PDB file of N, CA and C in Angstrom:
ATOM      1  N   MET A   1    -136.422 -33.631 -31.878  1.00  0.00           N
ATOM      2  CA  MET A   1    -137.325 -33.729 -33.107  1.00  0.00           C
ATOM      3  C   MET A   1    -136.300 -32.950 -34.386  1.00  0.00           C
ATOM      4  N   SER A   2    -136.627 -33.598 -35.371  1.00  0.00           N
ATOM      5  CA  SER A   2    -136.288 -33.113 -36.299  1.00  0.00           C
ATOM      6  C   SER A   2    -137.171 -32.420 -37.498  1.00  0.00           C
ATOM      7  N   ILE A   3    -136.655 -31.098 -37.815  1.00  0.00           N
ATOM      8  CA  ILE A   3    -137.377 -30.731 -39.135  1.00  0.00           C
ATOM      9  C   ILE A   3    -136.955 -30.952 -40.774  1.00  0.00           C
ATOM     10  N   GLN A   4    -138.485 -31.088 -41.004  1.00  0.00           N
ATOM     11  CA  GLN A   4    -138.152 -31.879 -42.329  1.00  0.00           C
ATOM     12  C   GLN A   4    -138.628 -30.832 -43.230  1.00  0.00           C
ATOM     13  N   GLN A   5    -137.326 -30.747 -44.259  1.00  0.00           N
ATOM     14  CA  GLN A   5    -137.493 -30.063 -45.543  1.00  0.00           C
ATOM     15  C   GLN A   5    -138.691 -30.108 -46.131  1.00  0.00           C
ATOM     16  N   PRO A   6    -139.468 -29.026 -47.170  1.00  0.00           N
ATOM     17  CA  PRO A   6    -140.552 -29.633 -47.876  1.00  0.00           C
ATOM     18  C   PRO A   6    -139.699 -30.369 -48.918  1.00  0.00           C
ATOM     19  N   PRO A   7    -140.459 -31.275 -49.841  1.00  0.00           N
ATOM     20  CA  PRO A   7    -139.773 -31.625 -51.046  1.00  0.00           C
ATOM     21  C   PRO A   7    -139.630 -30.458 -52.148  1.00  0.00           C
ATOM     22  N   VAL A   8    -138.602 -30.870 -53.076  1.00  0.00           N
ATOM     23  CA  VAL A   8    -138.247 -29.707 -53.776  1.00  0.00           C
ATOM     24  C   VAL A   8    -139.171 -30.029 -54.985  1.00  0.00           C
ATOM     25  N   ASP A   9    -139.594 -28.465 -55.501  1.00  0.00           N
ATOM     26  CA  ASP A   9    -140.231 -28.754 -56.845  1.00  0.00           C
ATOM     27  C   ASP A   9    -139.661 -29.204 -58.039  1.00  0.00           C
ATOM     28  N   GLN A  10    -139.815 -29.770 -58.819  1.00  0.00           N
ATOM     29  CA  GLN A  10    -138.555 -30.545 -59.944  1.00  0.00           C
ATOM     30  C   GLN A  10    -138.695 -29.571 -60.616  1.00  0.00           C
ATOM     31  N   VAL A  11    -139.748 -28.668 -60.998  1.00  0.00           N
ATOM     32  CA  VAL A  11    -139.375 -27.403 -61.982  1.00  0.00           C
ATOM     33  C   VAL A  11    -138.326 -26.585 -61.847  1.00  0.00           C
ATOM     34  N   VAL A  12    -138.550 -25.934 -60.334  1.00  0.00           N
ATOM     35  CA  VAL A  12    -137.453 -25.279 -59.701  1.00  0.00           C
ATOM     36  C   VAL A  12    -135.986 -25.997 -59.616  1.00  0.00           C
ATOM     37  N   SER A  13    -136.305 -27.032 -59.061  1.00  0.00           N
ATOM     38  CA  SER A  13    -135.107 -27.714 -59.493  1.00  0.00           C
ATOM     39  C   SER A  13    -134.337 -28.116 -60.794  1.00  0.00           C
ATOM     40  N   SER A  14    -134.857 -28.072 -61.375  1.00  0.00           N
ATOM     41  CA  SER A  14    -134.749 -27.882 -63.328  1.00  0.00           C
ATOM     42  C   SER A  14    -133.843 -26.494 -63.660  1.00  0.00           C
ATOM     43  N   PHE A  15    -134.524 -25.612 -63.001  1.00  0.00           N
ATOM     44  CA  PHE A  15    -133.816 -24.326 -63.528  1.00  0.00           C
ATOM     45  C   PHE A  15    -132.747 -23.899 -62.495  1.00  0.00           C
ATOM     46  N   ARG A  16    -132.763 -24.127 -61.515  1.00  0.00           N
ATOM     47  CA  ARG A  16    -132.026 -24.461 -60.905  1.00  0.00           C
ATOM     48  C   ARG A  16    -130.899 -24.603 -61.185  1.00  0.00           C
ATOM     49  N   ASP A  17    -130.754 -26.470 -61.567  1.00  0.00           N
ATOM     50  CA  ASP A  17    -129.450 -26.644 -62.568  1.00  0.00           C
ATOM     51  C   ASP A  17    -129.216 -25.901 -63.804  1.00  0.00           C
ATOM     52  N   GLU A  18    -130.152 -25.548 -64.622  1.00  0.00           N
ATOM     53  CA  GLU A  18    -129.863 -24.745 -65.615  1.00  0.00           C
ATOM     54  C   GLU A  18    -128.920 -23.355 -65.552  1.00  0.00           C
ATOM     55  N   ILE A  19    -129.427 -22.590 -64.629  1.00  0.00           N
ATOM     56  CA  ILE A  19    -128.828 -21.511 -64.322  1.00  0.00           C
ATOM     57  C   ILE A  19    -127.454 -22.032 -63.518  1.00  0.00           C
ATOM     58  N   THR A  20    -127.183 -23.134 -62.763  1.00  0.00           N
ATOM     59  CA  THR A  20    -125.668 -23.311 -62.214  1.00  0.00           C
ATOM     60  C   THR A  20    -124.820 -23.720 -63.575  1.00  0.00           C
ATOM     61  N   ALA A  21    -125.165 -24.383 -64.348  1.00  0.00           N
ATOM     62  CA  ALA A  21    -124.618 -24.692 -65.610  1.00  0.00           C
ATOM     63  C   ALA A  21    -124.442 -23.634 -66.576  1.00  0.00           C
ATOM     64  N   LEU A  22    -125.556 -22.649 -66.393  1.00  0.00           N
ATOM     65  CA  LEU A  22    -125.141 -21.430 -67.032  1.00  0.00           C
ATOM     66  C   LEU A  22    -124.053 -20.268 -66.256  1.00  0.00           C
ATOM     67  N   ASP A  23    -124.148 -20.605 -65.023  1.00  0.00           N
ATOM     68  CA  ASP A  23    -123.026 -19.785 -64.453  1.00  0.00           C
ATOM     69  C   ASP A  23    -121.757 -20.245 -64.316  1.00  0.00           C
ATOM     70  N   VAL A  24    -121.271 -21.396 -64.684  1.00  0.00           N
ATOM     71  CA  VAL A  24    -119.832 -22.418 -64.677  1.00  0.00           C
ATOM     72  C   VAL A  24    -120.079 -22.016 -65.926  1.00  0.00           C
ATOM     73  N   ARG A  25    -120.407 -21.876 -67.251  1.00  0.00           N
ATOM     74  CA  ARG A  25    -120.256 -21.340 -68.382  1.00  0.00           C
ATOM     75  C   ARG A  25    -118.878 -20.245 -68.283  1.00  0.00           C
ATOM     76  N   LEU A  26    -120.280 -18.991 -67.811  1.00  0.00           N
ATOM     77  CA  LEU A  26    -120.046 -17.651 -67.440  1.00  0.00           C
ATOM     78  C   LEU A  26    -118.641 -17.100 -67.091  1.00  0.00           C
ATOM     79  N   LEU A  27    -118.539 -17.954 -65.746  1.00  0.00           N
ATOM     80  CA  LEU A  27    -116.901 -17.927 -65.421  1.00  0.00           C
ATOM     81  C   LEU A  27    -116.061 -18.526 -65.979  1.00  0.00           C
ATOM     82  N   SER A  28    -116.017 -19.721 -66.853  1.00  0.00           N
ATOM     83  CA  SER A  28    -115.484 -19.949 -67.638  1.00  0.00           C
ATOM     84  C   SER A  28    -114.657 -19.191 -68.809  1.00  0.00           C
ATOM     85  N   THR A  29    -115.442 -18.291 -69.269  1.00  0.00           N
ATOM     86  CA  THR A  29    -115.581 -17.215 -70.331  1.00  0.00           C
ATOM     87  C   THR A  29    -115.097 -16.137 -69.505  1.00  0.00           C
ATOM     88  N   ILE A  30    -115.134 -15.655 -68.594  1.00  0.00           N
ATOM     89  CA  ILE A  30    -114.615 -14.638 -67.710  1.00  0.00           C
ATOM     90  C   ILE A  30    -113.405 -15.241 -67.521  1.00  0.00           C
ATOM     91  N   ASN A  31    -112.862 -16.277 -67.166  1.00  0.00           N
ATOM     92  CA  ASN A  31    -111.481 -16.275 -66.964  1.00  0.00           C
ATOM     93  C   ASN A  31    -110.717 -16.292 -67.871  1.00  0.00           C
ATOM     94  N   ALA A  32    -111.218 -17.033 -69.282  1.00  0.00           N
ATOM     95  CA  ALA A  32    -110.601 -16.934 -70.355  1.00  0.00           C
ATOM     96  C   ALA A  32    -110.377 -15.520 -70.829  1.00  0.00           C
ATOM     97  N   ARG A  33    -111.224 -14.761 -70.725  1.00  0.00           N
ATOM     98  CA  ARG A  33    -111.380 -13.399 -70.930  1.00  0.00           C
ATOM     99  C   ARG A  33    -110.068 -12.822 -70.100  1.00  0.00           C
ATOM    100  N   ILE A  34    -109.836 -12.921 -68.934  1.00  0.00           N
ATOM    101  CA  ILE A  34    -108.609 -12.411 -68.491  1.00  0.00           C
ATOM    102  C   ILE A  34    -107.279 -13.105 -68.663  1.00  0.00           C
ATOM    103  N   LYS A  35    -107.537 -14.090 -68.846  1.00  0.00           N
ATOM    104  CA  LYS A  35    -106.223 -14.787 -69.940  1.00  0.00           C
ATOM    105  C   LYS A  35    -105.689 -14.253 -70.994  1.00  0.00           C
ATOM    106  N   ALA A  36    -106.826 -13.746 -71.998  1.00  0.00           N
ATOM    107  CA  ALA A  36    -106.323 -13.594 -73.496  1.00  0.00           C
ATOM    108  C   ALA A  36    -105.953 -11.679 -72.884  1.00  0.00           C
ATOM    109  N   VAL A  37    -106.833 -11.393 -72.003  1.00  0.00           N
ATOM    110  CA  VAL A  37    -106.150  -9.825 -71.902  1.00  0.00           C
ATOM    111  C   VAL A  37    -104.885  -9.949 -70.905  1.00  0.00           C
ATOM    112  N   LYS A  38    -104.341 -10.840 -70.383  1.00  0.00           N
ATOM    113  CA  LYS A  38    -103.260 -10.744 -70.075  1.00  0.00           C
ATOM    114  C   LYS A  38    -102.138 -10.816 -70.475  1.00  0.00           C
ATOM    115  N   ALA A  39    -102.689 -11.754 -71.675  1.00  0.00           N
ATOM    116  CA  ALA A  39    -101.486 -11.973 -72.678  1.00  0.00           C
ATOM    117  C   ALA A  39    -101.302 -10.681 -73.573  1.00  0.00           C
ATOM    118  N   LEU A  40    -102.217  -9.893 -74.142  1.00  0.00           N
ATOM    119  CA  LEU A  40    -102.085  -8.632 -74.249  1.00  0.00           C
ATOM    120  C   LEU A  40    -101.642  -7.771 -73.942  1.00  0.00           C
ATOM    121  N   ALA A  41    -101.945  -7.516 -72.665  1.00  0.00           N
ATOM    122  CA  ALA A  41    -101.264  -6.569 -71.821  1.00  0.00           C
ATOM    123  C   ALA A  41     -99.763  -6.902 -71.630  1.00  0.00           C
ATOM    124  N   GLN A  42     -99.277  -7.960 -71.750  1.00  0.00           N
ATOM    125  CA  GLN A  42     -97.984  -8.366 -71.781  1.00  0.00           C
ATOM    126  C   GLN A  42     -97.326  -8.269 -72.979  1.00  0.00           C
ATOM    127  N   TYR A  43     -98.047  -8.133 -74.429  1.00  0.00           N
ATOM    128  CA  TYR A  43     -97.645  -8.133 -75.329  1.00  0.00           C
ATOM    129  C   TYR A  43     -97.327  -6.481 -75.321  1.00  0.00           C
ATOM    130  N   LYS A  44     -97.928  -5.418 -75.337  1.00  0.00           N
ATOM    131  CA  LYS A  44     -98.169  -4.344 -75.355  1.00  0.00           C
ATOM    132  C   LYS A  44     -97.188  -3.862 -74.414  1.00  0.00           C
ATOM    133  N   GLU A  45     -96.772  -4.419 -73.511  1.00  0.00           N
ATOM    134  CA  GLU A  45     -95.672  -3.752 -72.565  1.00  0.00           C
ATOM    135  C   GLU A  45     -94.540  -3.793 -72.742  1.00  0.00           C
ATOM    136  N   GLU A  46     -94.317  -5.473 -73.472  1.00  0.00           N
ATOM    137  CA  GLU A  46     -93.150  -5.361 -74.276  1.00  0.00           C
ATOM    138  C   GLU A  46     -92.511  -4.514 -75.692  1.00  0.00           C
ATOM    139  N   ARG A  47     -93.929  -4.014 -76.076  1.00  0.00           N
ATOM    140  CA  ARG A  47     -93.839  -3.183 -76.914  1.00  0.00           C
ATOM    141  C   ARG A  47     -94.080  -1.561 -76.727  1.00  0.00           C
ATOM    142  N   GLY A  48     -94.052  -1.255 -75.711  1.00  0.00           N
ATOM    143  CA  GLY A  48     -93.960  -0.171 -75.307  1.00  0.00           C
ATOM    144  C   GLY A  48     -95.424   0.951 -75.545  1.00  0.00           C
ATOM    145  N   LEU A  49     -96.268  -0.587 -75.922  1.00  0.00           N
ATOM    146  CA  LEU A  49     -97.624   0.256 -75.851  1.00  0.00           C
ATOM    147  C   LEU A  49     -98.121   0.494 -74.881  1.00  0.00           C
ATOM    148  N   ALA A  50     -99.301   1.754 -74.919  1.00  0.00           N
ATOM    149  CA  ALA A  50    -100.685   1.649 -73.732  1.00  0.00           C
ATOM    150  C   ALA A  50    -101.480   0.873 -73.367  1.00  0.00           C
ATOM    151  N   PHE A  51    -102.219   0.294 -72.502  1.00  0.00           N
ATOM    152  CA  PHE A  51    -102.536  -1.103 -72.041  1.00  0.00           C
ATOM    153  C   PHE A  51    -103.872  -0.897 -72.325  1.00  0.00           C
ATOM    154  N   HIS A  52    -104.489   0.580 -71.302  1.00  0.00           N
ATOM    155  CA  HIS A  52    -105.583   1.093 -72.038  1.00  0.00           C
ATOM    156  C   HIS A  52    -105.494   1.765 -73.448  1.00  0.00           C
ATOM    157  N   ASP A  53    -106.736   1.671 -73.682  1.00  0.00           N
ATOM    158  CA  ASP A  53    -107.348   2.110 -75.176  1.00  0.00           C
ATOM    159  C   ASP A  53    -108.948   2.267 -75.471  1.00  0.00           C
ATOM    160  N   PRO A  54    -109.068   3.484 -74.638  1.00  0.00           N
ATOM    161  CA  PRO A  54    -110.781   3.828 -74.657  1.00  0.00           C
ATOM    162  C   PRO A  54    -111.097   3.999 -75.961  1.00  0.00           C
ATOM    163  N   GLU A  55    -110.584   4.154 -77.248  1.00  0.00           N
ATOM    164  CA  GLU A  55    -111.166   3.839 -78.677  1.00  0.00           C
ATOM    165  C   GLU A  55    -112.226   2.421 -78.555  1.00  0.00           C
ATOM    166  N   ARG A  56    -110.992   1.525 -78.383  1.00  0.00           N
ATOM    167  CA  ARG A  56    -111.426   0.305 -78.667  1.00  0.00           C
ATOM    168  C   ARG A  56    -112.258  -0.322 -77.587  1.00  0.00           C
ATOM    169  N   GLU A  57    -112.378   0.394 -76.240  1.00  0.00           N
ATOM    170  CA  GLU A  57    -113.353   0.145 -75.466  1.00  0.00           C
ATOM    171  C   GLU A  57    -114.631   0.355 -75.781  1.00  0.00           C
ATOM    172  N   ALA A  58    -114.734   1.915 -76.534  1.00  0.00           N
ATOM    173  CA  ALA A  58    -115.840   2.270 -77.210  1.00  0.00           C
ATOM    174  C   ALA A  58    -116.518   1.319 -78.427  1.00  0.00           C
ATOM    175  N   TRP A  59    -115.467   1.005 -79.139  1.00  0.00           N
ATOM    176  CA  TRP A  59    -116.416   0.370 -79.938  1.00  0.00           C
ATOM    177  C   TRP A  59    -116.623  -0.539 -79.725  1.00  0.00           C
ATOM    178  N   LEU A  60    -116.099  -1.655 -78.957  1.00  0.00           N
ATOM    179  CA  LEU A  60    -116.866  -2.687 -78.090  1.00  0.00           C
ATOM    180  C   LEU A  60    -118.208  -2.547 -77.321  1.00  0.00           C
ATOM    181  N   VAL A  61    -118.230  -1.805 -76.778  1.00  0.00           N
ATOM    182  CA  VAL A  61    -119.588  -1.262 -76.278  1.00  0.00           C
ATOM    183  C   VAL A  61    -120.886  -1.073 -77.202  1.00  0.00           C
ATOM    184  N   ALA A  62    -120.136  -0.245 -78.397  1.00  0.00           N
ATOM    185  CA  ALA A  62    -121.216   0.338 -79.555  1.00  0.00           C
ATOM    186  C   ALA A  62    -121.391  -1.137 -80.130  1.00  0.00           C
ATOM    187  N   TYR A  63    -120.579  -1.862 -80.525  1.00  0.00           N
ATOM    188  CA  TYR A  63    -120.715  -3.319 -81.297  1.00  0.00           C
ATOM    189  C   TYR A  63    -121.340  -4.411 -80.169  1.00  0.00           C
ATOM    190  N   LEU A  64    -121.335  -4.308 -79.104  1.00  0.00           N
ATOM    191  CA  LEU A  64    -122.039  -5.422 -78.162  1.00  0.00           C
ATOM    192  C   LEU A  64    -123.445  -5.020 -77.957  1.00  0.00           C
ATOM    193  N   LYS A  65    -123.997  -3.466 -78.091  1.00  0.00           N
ATOM    194  CA  LYS A  65    -125.082  -3.358 -78.415  1.00  0.00           C
ATOM    195  C   LYS A  65    -125.578  -3.108 -80.045  1.00  0.00           C
ATOM    196  N   ARG A  66    -125.335  -3.745 -81.091  1.00  0.00           N
ATOM    197  CA  ARG A  66    -125.345  -3.832 -82.543  1.00  0.00           C
ATOM    198  C   ARG A  66    -125.975  -5.094 -82.631  1.00  0.00           C
ATOM    199  N   VAL A  67    -125.433  -6.085 -81.623  1.00  0.00           N
ATOM    200  CA  VAL A  67    -125.616  -7.499 -82.096  1.00  0.00           C
ATOM    201  C   VAL A  67    -126.342  -8.072 -80.747  1.00  0.00           C
ATOM    202  N   ASN A  68    -126.687  -7.503 -79.815  1.00  0.00           N
ATOM    203  CA  ASN A  68    -127.532  -7.938 -78.391  1.00  0.00           C
ATOM    204  C   ASN A  68    -129.197  -8.010 -79.051  1.00  0.00           C
ATOM    205  N   ASN A  69    -129.665  -9.019 -78.600  1.00  0.00           N
ATOM    206  CA  ASN A  69    -130.912  -9.300 -79.220  1.00  0.00           C
ATOM    207  C   ASN A  69    -131.696  -9.171 -77.598  1.00  0.00           C
ATOM    208  N   GLY A  70    -131.257  -8.906 -76.722  1.00  0.00           N
ATOM    209  CA  GLY A  70    -131.944  -9.268 -75.303  1.00  0.00           C
ATOM    210  C   GLY A  70    -131.982 -10.487 -74.501  1.00  0.00           C
ATOM    211  N   PRO A  71    -132.488 -10.110 -73.485  1.00  0.00           N
ATOM    212  CA  PRO A  71    -133.343  -9.564 -72.977  1.00  0.00           C
ATOM    213  C   PRO A  71    -132.389  -8.311 -72.199  1.00  0.00           C
ATOM    214  N   VAL A  72    -131.516  -8.667 -71.870  1.00  0.00           N
ATOM    215  CA  VAL A  72    -130.567  -7.491 -71.695  1.00  0.00           C
ATOM    216  C   VAL A  72    -130.897  -5.743 -72.252  1.00  0.00           C
ATOM    217  N   SER A  73    -131.122  -5.085 -71.927  1.00  0.00           N
ATOM    218  CA  SER A  73    -130.870  -3.566 -72.287  1.00  0.00           C
ATOM    219  C   SER A  73    -129.709  -3.102 -72.534  1.00  0.00           C
ATOM    220  N   ASN A  74    -129.781  -1.617 -73.186  1.00  0.00           N
ATOM    221  CA  ASN A  74    -128.768  -0.909 -73.767  1.00  0.00           C
ATOM    222  C   ASN A  74    -128.244  -0.899 -71.782  1.00  0.00           C
ATOM    223  N   GLU A  75    -129.070  -0.163 -71.218  1.00  0.00           N
ATOM    224  CA  GLU A  75    -128.874   0.312 -69.484  1.00  0.00           C
ATOM    225  C   GLU A  75    -127.801  -1.075 -69.227  1.00  0.00           C
ATOM    226  N   GLY A  76    -128.578  -2.037 -69.039  1.00  0.00           N
ATOM    227  CA  GLY A  76    -128.000  -3.046 -68.542  1.00  0.00           C
ATOM    228  C   GLY A  76    -126.662  -3.858 -69.119  1.00  0.00           C
ATOM    229  N   LEU A  77    -126.764  -3.351 -70.588  1.00  0.00           N
ATOM    230  CA  LEU A  77    -125.271  -3.901 -70.923  1.00  0.00           C
ATOM    231  C   LEU A  77    -124.010  -2.881 -70.819  1.00  0.00           C
ATOM    232  N   ASP A  78    -124.669  -1.563 -70.602  1.00  0.00           N
ATOM    233  CA  ASP A  78    -123.456  -0.654 -69.767  1.00  0.00           C
ATOM    234  C   ASP A  78    -123.286  -1.282 -68.764  1.00  0.00           C
ATOM    235  N   GLU A  79    -123.692  -1.255 -67.523  1.00  0.00           N
ATOM    236  CA  GLU A  79    -123.655  -1.884 -66.364  1.00  0.00           C
ATOM    237  C   GLU A  79    -122.818  -3.146 -66.695  1.00  0.00           C
ATOM    238  N   LEU A  80    -123.115  -4.187 -67.335  1.00  0.00           N
ATOM    239  CA  LEU A  80    -122.268  -5.222 -67.446  1.00  0.00           C
ATOM    240  C   LEU A  80    -120.869  -5.119 -67.859  1.00  0.00           C
ATOM    241  N   LEU A  81    -120.652  -4.399 -69.005  1.00  0.00           N
ATOM    242  CA  LEU A  81    -119.219  -4.395 -69.639  1.00  0.00           C
ATOM    243  C   LEU A  81    -118.693  -3.400 -68.659  1.00  0.00           C
ATOM    244  N   ALA A  82    -119.294  -2.445 -67.960  1.00  0.00           N
ATOM    245  CA  ALA A  82    -118.503  -1.587 -66.893  1.00  0.00           C
ATOM    246  C   ALA A  82    -117.731  -2.660 -65.631  1.00  0.00           C
ATOM    247  N   PHE A  83    -118.484  -3.233 -65.520  1.00  0.00           N
ATOM    248  CA  PHE A  83    -118.903  -4.573 -64.045  1.00  0.00           C
ATOM    249  C   PHE A  83    -117.403  -5.143 -65.122  1.00  0.00           C
ATOM    250  N   VAL A  84    -117.316  -5.484 -65.949  1.00  0.00           N
ATOM    251  CA  VAL A  84    -116.450  -7.071 -66.537  1.00  0.00           C
ATOM    252  C   VAL A  84    -115.203  -6.402 -66.937  1.00  0.00           C
ATOM    253  N   LEU A  85    -115.013  -5.129 -67.612  1.00  0.00           N
ATOM    254  CA  LEU A  85    -113.725  -4.359 -67.828  1.00  0.00           C
ATOM    255  C   LEU A  85    -113.136  -4.362 -66.947  1.00  0.00           C
ATOM    256  N   ALA A  86    -113.795  -3.402 -65.566  1.00  0.00           N
ATOM    257  CA  ALA A  86    -113.308  -3.215 -64.264  1.00  0.00           C
ATOM    258  C   ALA A  86    -112.721  -4.273 -63.666  1.00  0.00           C
ATOM    259  N   LEU A  87    -113.397  -5.305 -63.512  1.00  0.00           N
ATOM    260  CA  LEU A  87    -112.969  -7.013 -62.997  1.00  0.00           C
ATOM    261  C   LEU A  87    -111.647  -7.681 -63.687  1.00  0.00           C
ATOM    262  N   VAL A  88    -112.168  -7.353 -65.230  1.00  0.00           N
ATOM    263  CA  VAL A  88    -110.420  -7.983 -66.110  1.00  0.00           C
ATOM    264  C   VAL A  88    -109.395  -6.716 -65.613  1.00  0.00           C
ATOM    265  N   LYS A  89    -109.520  -5.589 -65.790  1.00  0.00           N
ATOM    266  CA  LYS A  89    -108.253  -4.854 -65.253  1.00  0.00           C
ATOM    267  C   LYS A  89    -107.781  -4.961 -64.430  1.00  0.00           C
ATOM    268  N   ALA A  90    -108.534  -5.165 -62.879  1.00  0.00           N
ATOM    269  CA  ALA A  90    -108.289  -5.305 -61.580  1.00  0.00           C
ATOM    270  C   ALA A  90    -106.929  -6.729 -61.342  1.00  0.00           C
ATOM    271  N   GLU A  91    -107.884  -7.916 -62.332  1.00  0.00           N
ATOM    272  CA  GLU A  91    -107.425  -9.040 -62.236  1.00  0.00           C
ATOM    273  C   GLU A  91    -105.860  -9.145 -62.411  1.00  0.00           C
ATOM    274  N   VAL A  92    -105.609  -8.343 -63.394  1.00  0.00           N
ATOM    275  CA  VAL A  92    -104.483  -8.363 -64.564  1.00  0.00           C
ATOM    276  C   VAL A  92    -103.515  -7.503 -63.899  1.00  0.00           C
ATOM    277  N   ALA A  93    -103.866  -6.498 -63.400  1.00  0.00           N
ATOM    278  CA  ALA A  93    -103.470  -5.613 -62.581  1.00  0.00           C
ATOM    279  C   ALA A  93    -102.847  -6.233 -61.131  1.00  0.00           C
ATOM    280  N   ARG A  94    -103.521  -7.654 -60.684  1.00  0.00           N
ATOM    281  CA  ARG A  94    -103.002  -8.115 -59.803  1.00  0.00           C
ATOM    282  C   ARG A  94    -101.713  -9.355 -60.230  1.00  0.00           C
ATOM    283  N   GLY A  95    -101.945  -9.604 -61.302  1.00  0.00           N
ATOM    284  CA  GLY A  95    -101.398 -10.208 -61.837  1.00  0.00           C
ATOM    285  C   GLY A  95    -101.281 -11.864 -61.729  1.00  0.00           C
TER     286      GLY A  95
END
């Protein structure tokens, strides 16, 4: 006896396709950011410059809060940036 799955709602399917496409773009953007930060880290290392720049990170957070049109809240933006910055730093450290 086989159990049939219920038919997939077309609206749900459409939303899922859109979300998947957005996730692919998000992954591509994160990968591009990691590559850019790796190149910057190498440049800074060759010149004896510090990799971590807290002032730049603070500027970035403030700037993104100014240009954010939502629906991401400022608290959500803080969480997102903390995650992205930590992830990118970890990936750069992995080489």
